[in-house]
Protein backbone atom coordinates (compact mmCIF):
# COMPACT_ATOMS: atom_id res chain seq x y z
CA MET A 1 -13.19 58.98 -35.50
CA ALA A 2 -12.23 55.24 -35.56
CA LEU A 3 -13.31 52.91 -38.06
CA VAL A 4 -13.33 48.75 -37.01
CA ALA A 5 -12.70 46.93 -40.06
CA PRO A 6 -15.11 43.47 -41.31
CA ARG A 7 -13.32 40.69 -39.34
CA GLN A 8 -11.05 39.28 -42.43
CA GLY A 9 -6.82 39.91 -41.87
CA TYR A 10 -3.81 40.81 -43.72
CA THR A 11 -0.94 38.39 -44.11
CA GLY A 12 2.35 39.94 -44.29
CA LEU A 13 3.88 42.66 -46.97
CA ARG A 14 0.95 41.98 -49.94
CA GLY A 15 -1.57 42.36 -47.26
CA LEU A 16 -0.25 45.49 -46.41
CA GLN A 17 0.14 46.34 -49.60
CA THR A 18 -4.12 45.96 -49.65
CA LEU A 19 -4.49 47.49 -46.52
CA VAL A 20 -3.34 50.91 -47.86
CA SER A 21 -4.43 50.99 -50.86
CA SER A 22 -7.83 50.29 -49.27
CA ILE A 23 -7.28 53.15 -47.53
CA GLY A 24 -7.87 55.92 -50.31
CA THR A 25 -7.67 59.14 -49.25
CA SER A 26 -9.64 58.35 -45.87
CA ARG A 27 -8.71 61.17 -43.48
CA SER A 28 -9.97 58.35 -40.60
CA PHE A 29 -8.28 56.08 -38.22
CA THR A 30 -8.81 52.33 -39.33
CA SER A 31 -8.25 49.65 -37.01
CA PHE A 32 -7.70 46.14 -39.23
CA PRO A 33 -7.30 42.56 -37.13
CA VAL A 34 -4.37 40.74 -38.52
CA TYR A 35 -3.51 37.35 -38.68
CA THR A 36 -0.59 35.30 -38.47
CA ARG A 37 0.66 32.82 -41.36
CA ARG A 38 -0.49 30.31 -39.10
CA LYS A 39 -4.21 31.68 -39.46
CA SER A 40 -4.31 32.05 -35.48
CA PRO A 41 -6.28 35.05 -34.68
CA VAL A 42 -4.27 38.05 -32.92
CA VAL A 43 -5.36 40.11 -30.34
CA GLY A 44 -4.18 43.74 -31.45
CA ASN A 45 -4.59 46.17 -34.46
CA PHE A 46 -2.70 47.14 -37.73
CA VAL A 47 -3.71 50.59 -36.76
CA VAL A 48 -3.16 53.18 -40.52
CA SER A 49 -3.65 56.63 -39.62
CA THR A 50 -3.90 58.77 -42.89
CA SER A 51 -3.57 62.84 -42.97
CA ARG A 52 -3.07 65.72 -45.32
CA ARG A 53 -1.87 69.02 -44.23
CA PRO A 54 -2.96 71.95 -46.01
CA ASN A 55 -2.73 72.36 -49.97
CA ASP A 56 -0.97 68.84 -49.82
CA VAL A 57 -1.11 66.64 -52.29
CA HIS A 58 1.04 63.84 -50.97
CA LEU A 59 -0.79 61.38 -48.59
CA ALA A 60 1.21 60.52 -45.50
CA ILE A 61 0.92 57.51 -43.78
CA SER A 62 2.03 56.21 -40.42
CA ILE A 63 1.24 53.04 -39.34
CA ARG A 64 1.40 51.43 -35.89
CA ILE A 65 1.59 47.46 -35.55
CA GLY A 66 0.30 45.74 -32.52
CA VAL A 67 0.66 41.73 -32.81
CA ARG A 68 -0.28 39.45 -30.51
CA TYR A 69 2.15 35.81 -31.54
CA ASN A 70 -0.21 33.24 -30.60
CA SER A 71 1.66 29.61 -31.60
CA SER A 72 -1.32 27.11 -31.97
CA VAL A 73 -4.79 27.10 -33.39
CA VAL A 74 -7.56 24.37 -32.55
CA SER A 75 -6.91 22.96 -36.05
CA LYS A 76 -7.50 19.33 -35.26
CA LYS A 77 -10.50 20.19 -32.94
CA SER A 78 -13.09 17.20 -32.98
CA ALA A 79 -16.74 17.28 -33.32
CA LEU A 80 -18.35 17.72 -29.77
CA PRO A 81 -21.09 17.32 -27.80
CA PRO A 82 -23.75 19.59 -28.34
CA ASP A 83 -23.16 20.99 -24.70
CA GLN A 84 -19.67 21.22 -24.89
CA GLN A 85 -19.59 22.77 -27.96
CA LEU A 86 -21.70 25.64 -26.58
CA SER A 87 -18.93 25.94 -23.95
CA TYR A 88 -16.25 26.08 -26.25
CA ASP A 89 -17.90 29.00 -28.26
CA ARG A 90 -18.67 30.69 -25.06
CA LEU A 91 -15.13 30.36 -23.81
CA ARG A 92 -13.06 30.07 -26.42
CA PRO A 93 -13.39 34.06 -27.02
CA ILE A 94 -11.99 34.48 -23.75
CA VAL A 95 -8.52 33.17 -24.71
CA ASP A 96 -9.01 35.08 -27.83
CA ASP A 97 -9.27 38.25 -25.90
CA PHE A 98 -5.66 37.95 -24.22
CA GLU A 99 -2.88 39.55 -26.48
CA ALA A 100 -0.14 37.72 -24.58
CA PRO A 101 1.51 35.01 -26.21
CA MET A 102 0.29 30.93 -25.52
CA ASP A 103 1.18 27.75 -26.80
CA TRP A 104 -2.11 25.81 -25.08
CA ALA A 105 -4.93 26.66 -23.46
CA VAL A 106 -8.31 23.86 -21.74
CA ALA A 107 -10.94 24.78 -19.81
CA TYR A 108 -11.38 22.36 -16.69
CA GLY A 109 -13.60 22.31 -13.29
CA SER A 110 -16.88 22.49 -12.49
CA GLY A 111 -17.58 25.75 -13.77
CA VAL A 112 -17.25 23.64 -17.43
CA MET A 113 -17.82 19.79 -16.20
CA LYS A 114 -20.75 20.48 -14.59
CA GLN A 115 -21.09 17.78 -11.59
CA ALA A 116 -23.76 15.99 -9.85
CA GLN A 117 -26.05 17.56 -7.23
CA VAL A 118 -25.47 20.71 -9.00
CA LYS A 119 -28.77 22.32 -8.08
CA PRO A 120 -30.47 25.49 -10.53
CA GLY A 121 -30.15 27.58 -7.55
CA ASP A 122 -26.47 27.05 -6.24
CA PRO A 123 -24.46 30.25 -6.96
CA PRO A 124 -22.13 29.75 -10.70
CA SER A 125 -19.01 28.07 -10.68
CA LEU A 126 -15.87 30.15 -11.47
CA THR A 127 -14.42 28.83 -15.25
CA ASP A 128 -11.10 27.51 -14.40
CA LEU A 129 -8.76 28.30 -17.61
CA LEU A 130 -5.34 26.73 -17.74
CA LEU A 131 -3.09 29.03 -19.95
CA SER A 132 0.77 27.60 -21.08
CA THR A 133 3.18 29.64 -22.43
CA SER A 134 6.44 29.62 -23.86
CA SER A 135 7.67 32.78 -21.54
CA PRO A 136 6.03 33.58 -18.59
CA VAL A 137 8.02 36.76 -18.72
CA GLU A 138 6.51 37.83 -22.16
CA PHE A 139 3.39 36.81 -21.34
CA HIS A 140 3.11 38.99 -17.85
CA THR A 141 5.25 42.04 -20.01
CA ILE A 142 1.68 41.66 -21.96
CA ASN A 143 -0.80 40.67 -19.64
CA LEU A 144 0.38 43.42 -17.52
CA ARG A 145 -0.49 46.11 -20.12
CA GLN A 146 -3.61 44.93 -21.28
CA ASN A 147 -4.67 43.25 -17.77
CA PRO A 148 -3.17 45.50 -14.91
CA SER A 149 -6.94 44.76 -12.57
CA HIS A 150 -5.53 40.72 -12.41
CA TYR A 151 -2.84 41.51 -10.49
CA PRO A 152 -2.72 43.05 -7.06
CA LEU A 153 -0.83 45.73 -6.14
CA HIS A 154 2.53 43.91 -4.71
CA ALA A 155 2.45 42.17 -7.65
CA ARG A 156 2.15 44.80 -10.35
CA LEU A 157 4.99 46.40 -8.33
CA MET A 158 7.48 43.31 -8.69
CA GLY A 159 7.05 43.65 -12.42
CA PRO A 160 6.91 40.43 -15.18
CA GLY A 161 10.45 39.10 -14.43
CA GLY A 162 9.14 39.23 -10.58
CA ILE A 163 5.93 38.11 -11.17
CA ALA A 164 7.72 35.16 -13.98
CA HIS A 165 10.40 34.14 -10.81
CA VAL A 166 7.53 33.53 -8.31
CA GLN A 167 5.33 31.34 -11.06
CA GLU A 168 8.49 29.21 -11.22
CA ASN A 169 10.07 28.66 -8.17
CA ARG A 170 7.41 28.75 -5.96
CA GLY A 171 4.66 25.80 -5.68
CA ALA A 172 3.73 24.18 -8.36
CA GLY A 173 5.58 26.80 -10.97
CA VAL A 174 1.53 28.11 -11.74
CA TRP A 175 0.89 31.50 -11.74
CA TYR A 176 -3.06 31.84 -10.58
CA VAL A 177 -5.29 34.87 -11.12
CA THR A 178 -8.26 34.40 -9.30
CA ASP A 179 -12.11 35.95 -9.82
CA VAL A 180 -11.71 37.96 -12.85
CA LYS A 181 -14.20 39.18 -15.46
CA VAL A 182 -12.90 38.40 -18.93
CA ASN A 183 -15.86 39.04 -22.12
CA GLY A 184 -18.34 39.21 -19.05
CA ILE A 185 -17.21 35.74 -18.03
CA SER A 186 -16.17 35.45 -14.02
CA VAL A 187 -12.49 33.71 -14.43
CA LYS A 188 -9.77 32.02 -12.52
CA TYR A 189 -6.85 31.35 -14.69
CA GLY A 190 -3.56 29.37 -14.38
CA ILE A 191 -0.20 30.74 -16.18
CA ILE A 192 2.60 27.75 -16.59
CA SER A 193 5.34 27.30 -18.81
CA THR A 194 5.37 25.16 -21.21
CA SER A 195 8.20 23.67 -20.47
CA THR A 196 7.28 23.09 -16.83
CA LEU A 197 3.76 21.61 -17.63
CA ILE A 198 5.76 19.02 -20.28
CA GLN A 199 7.81 18.03 -17.12
CA ASP A 200 5.06 17.25 -14.78
CA LEU A 201 3.19 15.45 -17.41
CA ASN A 202 5.91 13.20 -17.73
CA GLU A 203 7.21 12.57 -14.94
CA TRP A 204 4.75 14.00 -11.82
CA ARG A 205 6.99 16.09 -10.29
CA THR A 206 4.51 17.83 -8.24
CA PHE A 207 1.31 15.81 -9.91
CA TYR A 208 -0.47 19.64 -9.76
CA LEU A 209 -1.89 20.33 -13.14
CA SER A 210 -1.31 16.72 -14.26
CA GLY A 211 -3.56 14.92 -11.92
CA ARG A 212 -6.43 17.86 -13.15
CA LEU A 213 -5.72 16.77 -16.64
CA HIS A 214 -6.67 12.93 -16.20
CA LYS A 215 -10.30 14.38 -15.52
CA PRO A 216 -12.63 15.08 -18.51
CA THR A 217 -11.43 18.74 -19.63
CA LEU A 218 -12.68 21.29 -22.70
CA PRO A 219 -9.35 22.01 -24.62
CA LEU A 220 -9.58 25.54 -26.24
CA ILE A 221 -6.05 25.73 -27.96
CA LEU A 222 -4.22 22.48 -28.82
CA PRO A 223 -0.64 22.58 -29.47
CA ASN A 224 0.83 22.19 -32.55
CA SER A 225 2.63 19.22 -34.29
CA THR A 226 5.61 19.73 -36.07
CA SER A 227 3.18 18.52 -39.29
CA GLU A 228 1.50 22.29 -38.96
CA LEU A 229 4.41 23.99 -38.08
CA LYS A 230 7.03 23.11 -41.25
CA GLY A 231 9.80 25.18 -40.74
CA GLU A 232 9.35 26.64 -37.47
CA GLY A 233 11.83 23.96 -35.59
CA GLU A 234 11.44 24.46 -31.97
CA ALA A 235 7.78 25.74 -31.38
CA ALA A 236 6.89 22.69 -33.58
CA GLU A 237 9.19 20.73 -31.72
CA GLU A 238 7.62 21.69 -28.22
CA GLY A 239 4.37 21.42 -29.60
CA GLU A 240 5.24 17.74 -30.11
CA ARG A 241 6.77 17.11 -27.14
CA LEU A 242 3.36 18.66 -25.49
CA ILE A 243 1.15 16.34 -26.97
CA LYS A 244 2.99 13.33 -26.47
CA ALA A 245 3.41 14.27 -23.07
CA LEU A 246 -0.67 14.64 -22.58
CA GLU A 247 -1.04 11.52 -23.88
CA ASN A 248 1.79 10.02 -21.12
CA ASN A 249 -0.34 11.72 -18.35
CA LEU A 250 -3.11 9.36 -19.43
CA ILE A 251 -1.19 6.01 -19.58
CA SER A 252 -0.16 6.59 -16.56
CA ALA A 253 -3.25 7.84 -14.50
CA LEU A 254 -4.93 4.75 -16.35
CA SER A 255 -1.95 2.00 -15.10
CA LEU A 256 -1.80 3.52 -11.66
CA ALA A 257 -5.72 3.72 -11.09
CA LEU A 258 -5.57 -0.15 -12.34
CA ILE A 259 -3.05 -1.27 -10.08
CA LEU A 260 -5.52 0.10 -7.71
CA CYS A 261 -8.30 -2.11 -8.65
CA PRO A 262 -9.30 -5.40 -8.39
CA GLU A 263 -9.31 -8.09 -10.67
CA GLU A 264 -12.85 -7.17 -10.89
CA PHE A 265 -14.87 -3.46 -10.88
CA GLU A 266 -17.25 -1.60 -11.98
CA GLU A 267 -16.57 1.02 -14.39
CA ASP A 268 -16.90 3.62 -12.99
CA TYR A 269 -15.30 2.44 -9.98
CA LEU A 270 -12.15 2.83 -12.25
CA TRP A 271 -13.27 6.20 -13.53
CA GLU A 272 -14.02 7.00 -9.75
CA LYS A 273 -9.99 5.82 -8.83
CA ILE A 274 -8.31 8.33 -11.68
CA ALA A 275 -10.64 11.26 -10.82
CA GLY A 276 -9.30 10.47 -7.00
CA LEU A 277 -6.24 10.63 -7.74
CA SER A 278 -5.16 13.83 -7.72
CA TYR A 279 -7.18 14.78 -4.00
CA SER A 280 -5.34 12.10 -2.46
CA GLY A 281 -2.66 14.02 -0.71
CA ASP A 282 -3.72 17.22 -1.24
CA PRO A 283 -4.65 19.55 2.16
CA ARG A 284 -7.66 20.93 0.56
CA MET A 285 -9.88 17.64 0.86
CA SER A 286 -9.29 17.61 4.86
CA ILE A 287 -9.46 21.37 6.37
CA PRO A 288 -13.39 23.18 6.24
CA GLY A 289 -12.72 24.61 2.70
CA GLY A 290 -11.07 23.37 1.13
CA GLU A 291 -12.81 21.01 -1.22
CA ASN A 292 -16.15 19.00 -1.18
CA PRO A 293 -15.28 16.36 0.27
CA GLU A 294 -17.75 14.00 -2.34
CA LYS A 295 -16.04 15.93 -4.61
CA VAL A 296 -14.86 12.65 -6.69
CA LYS A 297 -17.98 11.18 -7.28
CA ASN A 298 -19.84 14.44 -8.06
CA ILE A 299 -17.17 14.59 -11.05
CA VAL A 300 -18.03 11.24 -12.32
CA LYS A 301 -21.59 11.41 -11.63
CA GLY A 302 -21.64 14.42 -13.55
CA PRO A 303 -23.64 15.06 -16.78
CA GLY A 304 -21.17 13.93 -19.72
CA ALA A 305 -18.84 12.98 -17.18
CA ARG A 306 -18.89 9.45 -17.79
CA ASP A 307 -18.21 9.90 -21.70
CA GLY A 308 -15.95 11.95 -21.04
CA PHE A 309 -13.58 9.18 -19.61
CA ARG A 310 -14.66 6.70 -21.93
CA SER A 311 -13.30 9.03 -24.61
CA MET A 312 -9.89 9.76 -23.20
CA TYR A 313 -9.37 6.36 -21.68
CA GLY A 314 -11.45 3.42 -24.22
CA ALA A 315 -8.36 3.71 -26.62
CA TYR A 316 -5.84 2.09 -24.02
CA LEU A 317 -8.44 0.29 -22.07
CA ASN A 318 -7.61 -2.69 -24.55
CA GLU A 319 -4.05 -2.48 -24.22
CA LYS A 320 -3.83 -2.89 -20.74
CA GLY A 321 -5.87 -6.64 -20.50
CA VAL A 322 -9.23 -4.91 -19.72
CA SER A 323 -12.33 -6.75 -20.63
CA TRP A 324 -16.03 -6.87 -19.83
CA VAL A 325 -16.47 -9.93 -17.07
CA ASN A 326 -19.82 -11.08 -19.33
CA GLY A 327 -17.40 -12.48 -22.28
CA GLU A 328 -16.85 -9.35 -24.50
CA LYS A 329 -13.37 -9.38 -25.58
CA GLU A 330 -12.86 -5.57 -26.06
CA VAL A 331 -14.47 -2.96 -24.03
CA TYR A 332 -13.64 0.21 -26.71
CA VAL A 333 -14.33 -0.59 -30.67
CA ASN A 334 -14.70 2.53 -32.73
CA GLY A 335 -16.39 4.14 -29.96
CA GLN A 336 -18.18 2.07 -29.28
CA ASN A 337 -19.17 -1.43 -27.16
CA TRP A 338 -19.43 0.04 -24.00
CA ILE A 339 -22.26 -1.45 -21.49
CA GLY A 340 -24.64 -0.10 -18.99
CA ASP A 341 -24.58 3.22 -17.35
CA GLY A 342 -21.46 3.00 -15.42
CA ASP A 343 -22.80 -0.49 -13.70
CA GLY A 344 -20.59 -3.10 -16.32
CA LEU A 345 -18.71 -4.87 -14.74
CA LEU A 346 -14.73 -5.03 -15.62
CA ARG A 347 -12.28 -7.36 -15.40
CA GLN A 348 -8.03 -6.67 -15.87
CA PRO A 349 -5.56 -9.42 -15.51
CA PHE A 350 -4.27 -10.31 -12.05
CA THR A 351 -0.95 -11.53 -12.26
CA PRO A 352 2.64 -10.59 -10.76
CA GLU A 353 3.46 -9.61 -14.39
CA HIS A 354 0.09 -8.06 -15.73
CA GLN A 355 0.86 -5.87 -12.39
CA LEU A 356 4.78 -5.29 -12.92
CA ALA A 357 4.26 -3.98 -16.89
CA LEU A 358 1.45 -1.25 -15.18
CA SER A 359 4.09 -0.07 -12.89
CA ASN A 360 7.17 0.28 -14.87
CA SER A 361 4.80 2.48 -17.02
CA LEU A 362 4.17 4.69 -14.11
CA PRO A 363 6.33 7.70 -13.86
CA LEU A 364 10.31 7.18 -13.06
CA SER A 365 9.96 9.21 -10.13
CA LEU A 366 7.44 7.64 -8.55
CA ARG A 367 9.23 4.15 -9.28
CA GLN A 368 12.13 5.42 -7.60
CA LYS A 369 10.58 6.60 -4.55
CA VAL A 370 8.83 3.16 -4.33
CA SER A 371 11.52 1.37 -5.14
CA THR A 372 13.49 3.71 -2.25
CA HIS A 373 10.65 3.28 0.62
CA LEU A 374 10.70 -0.71 -0.27
CA ASN A 375 14.49 -0.63 -0.37
CA ASN A 376 14.54 1.27 3.54
CA GLN A 377 12.47 -1.24 5.02
CA ASP A 378 13.27 -4.42 3.73
CA GLN A 379 16.21 -4.43 0.96
CA ILE A 380 13.74 -5.85 -1.79
CA SER A 381 15.55 -5.03 -5.24
CA PHE A 382 15.18 -2.62 -8.09
CA ASN A 383 16.63 -2.72 -11.44
CA GLU A 384 19.22 0.08 -11.45
CA LYS A 385 19.99 -0.13 -14.84
CA THR A 386 16.20 0.01 -16.23
CA GLN A 387 15.19 1.94 -13.49
CA ASP A 388 12.19 -0.78 -13.52
CA LEU A 389 10.55 -2.25 -10.34
CA THR A 390 10.82 -5.96 -10.12
CA ILE A 391 8.66 -9.30 -9.43
CA LYS A 392 9.34 -8.92 -5.81
CA ASN A 393 8.61 -5.09 -5.22
CA ILE A 394 4.98 -6.15 -6.78
CA GLN A 395 4.68 -9.22 -5.01
CA ASP A 396 5.20 -7.29 -1.43
CA PRO A 397 2.36 -7.16 0.93
CA LYS A 398 2.85 -3.64 1.08
CA PHE A 399 3.28 -2.83 -2.35
CA ARG A 400 -0.02 -0.69 -2.98
CA SER A 401 -0.18 0.91 -0.06
CA ILE A 402 3.23 2.53 -0.73
CA LEU A 403 2.49 3.44 -3.81
CA SER A 404 -0.44 5.11 -2.61
CA THR A 405 1.20 6.55 0.18
CA GLU A 406 3.82 8.02 -2.34
CA LEU A 407 2.03 9.16 -4.01
CA ARG A 408 0.31 11.23 -1.32
CA ASN A 409 3.96 12.49 -0.80
CA ILE A 410 4.35 14.02 -4.13
CA ILE A 411 1.32 15.99 -3.86
CA HIS A 412 1.05 16.93 -0.41
CA LYS A 413 3.92 19.64 -0.36
CA PRO A 414 3.35 21.52 -3.90
CA ALA A 415 0.06 21.79 -3.02
CA LEU A 416 -0.19 23.56 0.13
CA ARG A 417 2.75 25.93 -1.45
CA GLN A 418 0.33 26.63 -4.00
CA SER A 419 -2.93 27.02 -2.50
CA ILE A 420 -0.29 29.30 -0.06
CA LYS A 421 1.41 30.90 -2.99
CA GLY A 422 -2.89 31.85 -3.93
CA LEU A 423 -3.02 34.38 -1.18
CA TYR A 424 -0.52 36.13 -2.48
CA THR A 425 -0.85 35.91 -6.23
CA ALA A 426 -5.06 36.73 -6.47
CA GLY A 427 -4.41 39.36 -3.10
CA PHE A 428 -6.03 38.64 0.00
CA THR A 429 -9.49 40.01 -0.47
CA LYS A 430 -10.00 37.54 -3.53
CA SER A 431 -8.63 34.98 -1.51
CA PHE A 432 -11.18 36.18 1.64
CA TRP A 433 -14.32 35.56 -0.94
CA TYR A 434 -12.91 32.27 -3.01
CA ALA A 435 -11.87 30.63 0.43
CA LEU A 436 -15.37 32.00 2.26
CA ALA A 437 -17.13 30.12 -1.38
CA LYS A 438 -14.96 26.86 -0.60
CA ILE A 439 -16.20 26.59 2.83
CA ARG A 440 -19.71 26.59 1.82
CA LYS A 441 -19.65 23.97 -0.50
CA TRP A 442 -17.59 22.04 1.89
CA PHE A 443 -20.25 21.97 4.63
CA LYS A 444 -22.83 21.24 1.76
CA GLY A 445 -20.09 18.43 1.27
CA ARG A 446 -20.54 17.19 4.44
CA GLY A 447 -24.57 17.52 4.98
CA ASN A 448 -24.98 15.35 1.53
CA LYS A 449 -22.91 12.32 3.25
């Protein structure tokens, strides 16, 4: 017989002593949830069995410990709108169900942030999750044991080391598990190493995940900072790097979108530019079954999306010199001062100096590619010492088109390789049904044009 204790945790030696003393002389198996000292729920159990031998007055206790070490908690989760709070309450238990270690988790896509033109009778979208871990091998070792059905047969035969190798060295550095049930909810989740995620956020090496995180998402586990993990240097430092990289990614996206905007533009035009960056070189946008061709507009027009973009980028708009055309000096003041329903007219300085400042806040890899492109054509200078673009670069009439071209070049190959890799990681049967659902969405989008 098994008894499950109430929802309370036992931590460290004192917790173990309390646990043992509470058992008494029970003959049953008792399963207790365990919590780490970071107060992260551990999906695993302290399993304590007690027994007596006939005519033996001594208590024999055997202890089997299965602990999931979870390095992150949502300790700073800000108040969410009611609909997002409902989504958080529904999806956070999915993350807690995993025994494998993770540093950060987020839900994204149409399964979380509803898009425009979705009708009540439309089939529900998969819930997309992204999970980062410091050790892909450890993650897959534990997840293979807990959720073997999440992996096709050939992946199970490869083992955790082989899976981690394919994850890290093919495509965009992500291993996707498609269309599985966790806590009764159909999900698609991607696993990425935290170091690879940080690199893509800072450098736009593949733009595959950094681009997805330009749009409103629902954080489920936030990275820990040094203030939260005193005395745990390596984990705390990586948490700090991830926090900074997430911010850098947003600033880079806003800068690039403003470069591609005219001097005056409507608010929603800016959000569409940001949302469209990750799709500009994505091969799925041009083939049947890839993506709905109206996806970018549907994202921005979706319920709550505009508030999400405002929350993500509003604090940076003043720093970038953006103001309202009607004379208001500031766009964002403590979450207020937004005008209209996306049709408010914004203005940015349209001087070479302003455009240069925006350009030099872009990731170095993109700046270098643009500079190389310009130098090959026109021998225009690039400041090799500071790795910055120059006024001459900015004033080139082809600058914006070259910038867009080089961004597409960054996106295209990793996106294509990751799509092919998805056939392998999900298995061909699941991939077929997943592609069929995408084809239906594609034709629906064509029909709405």
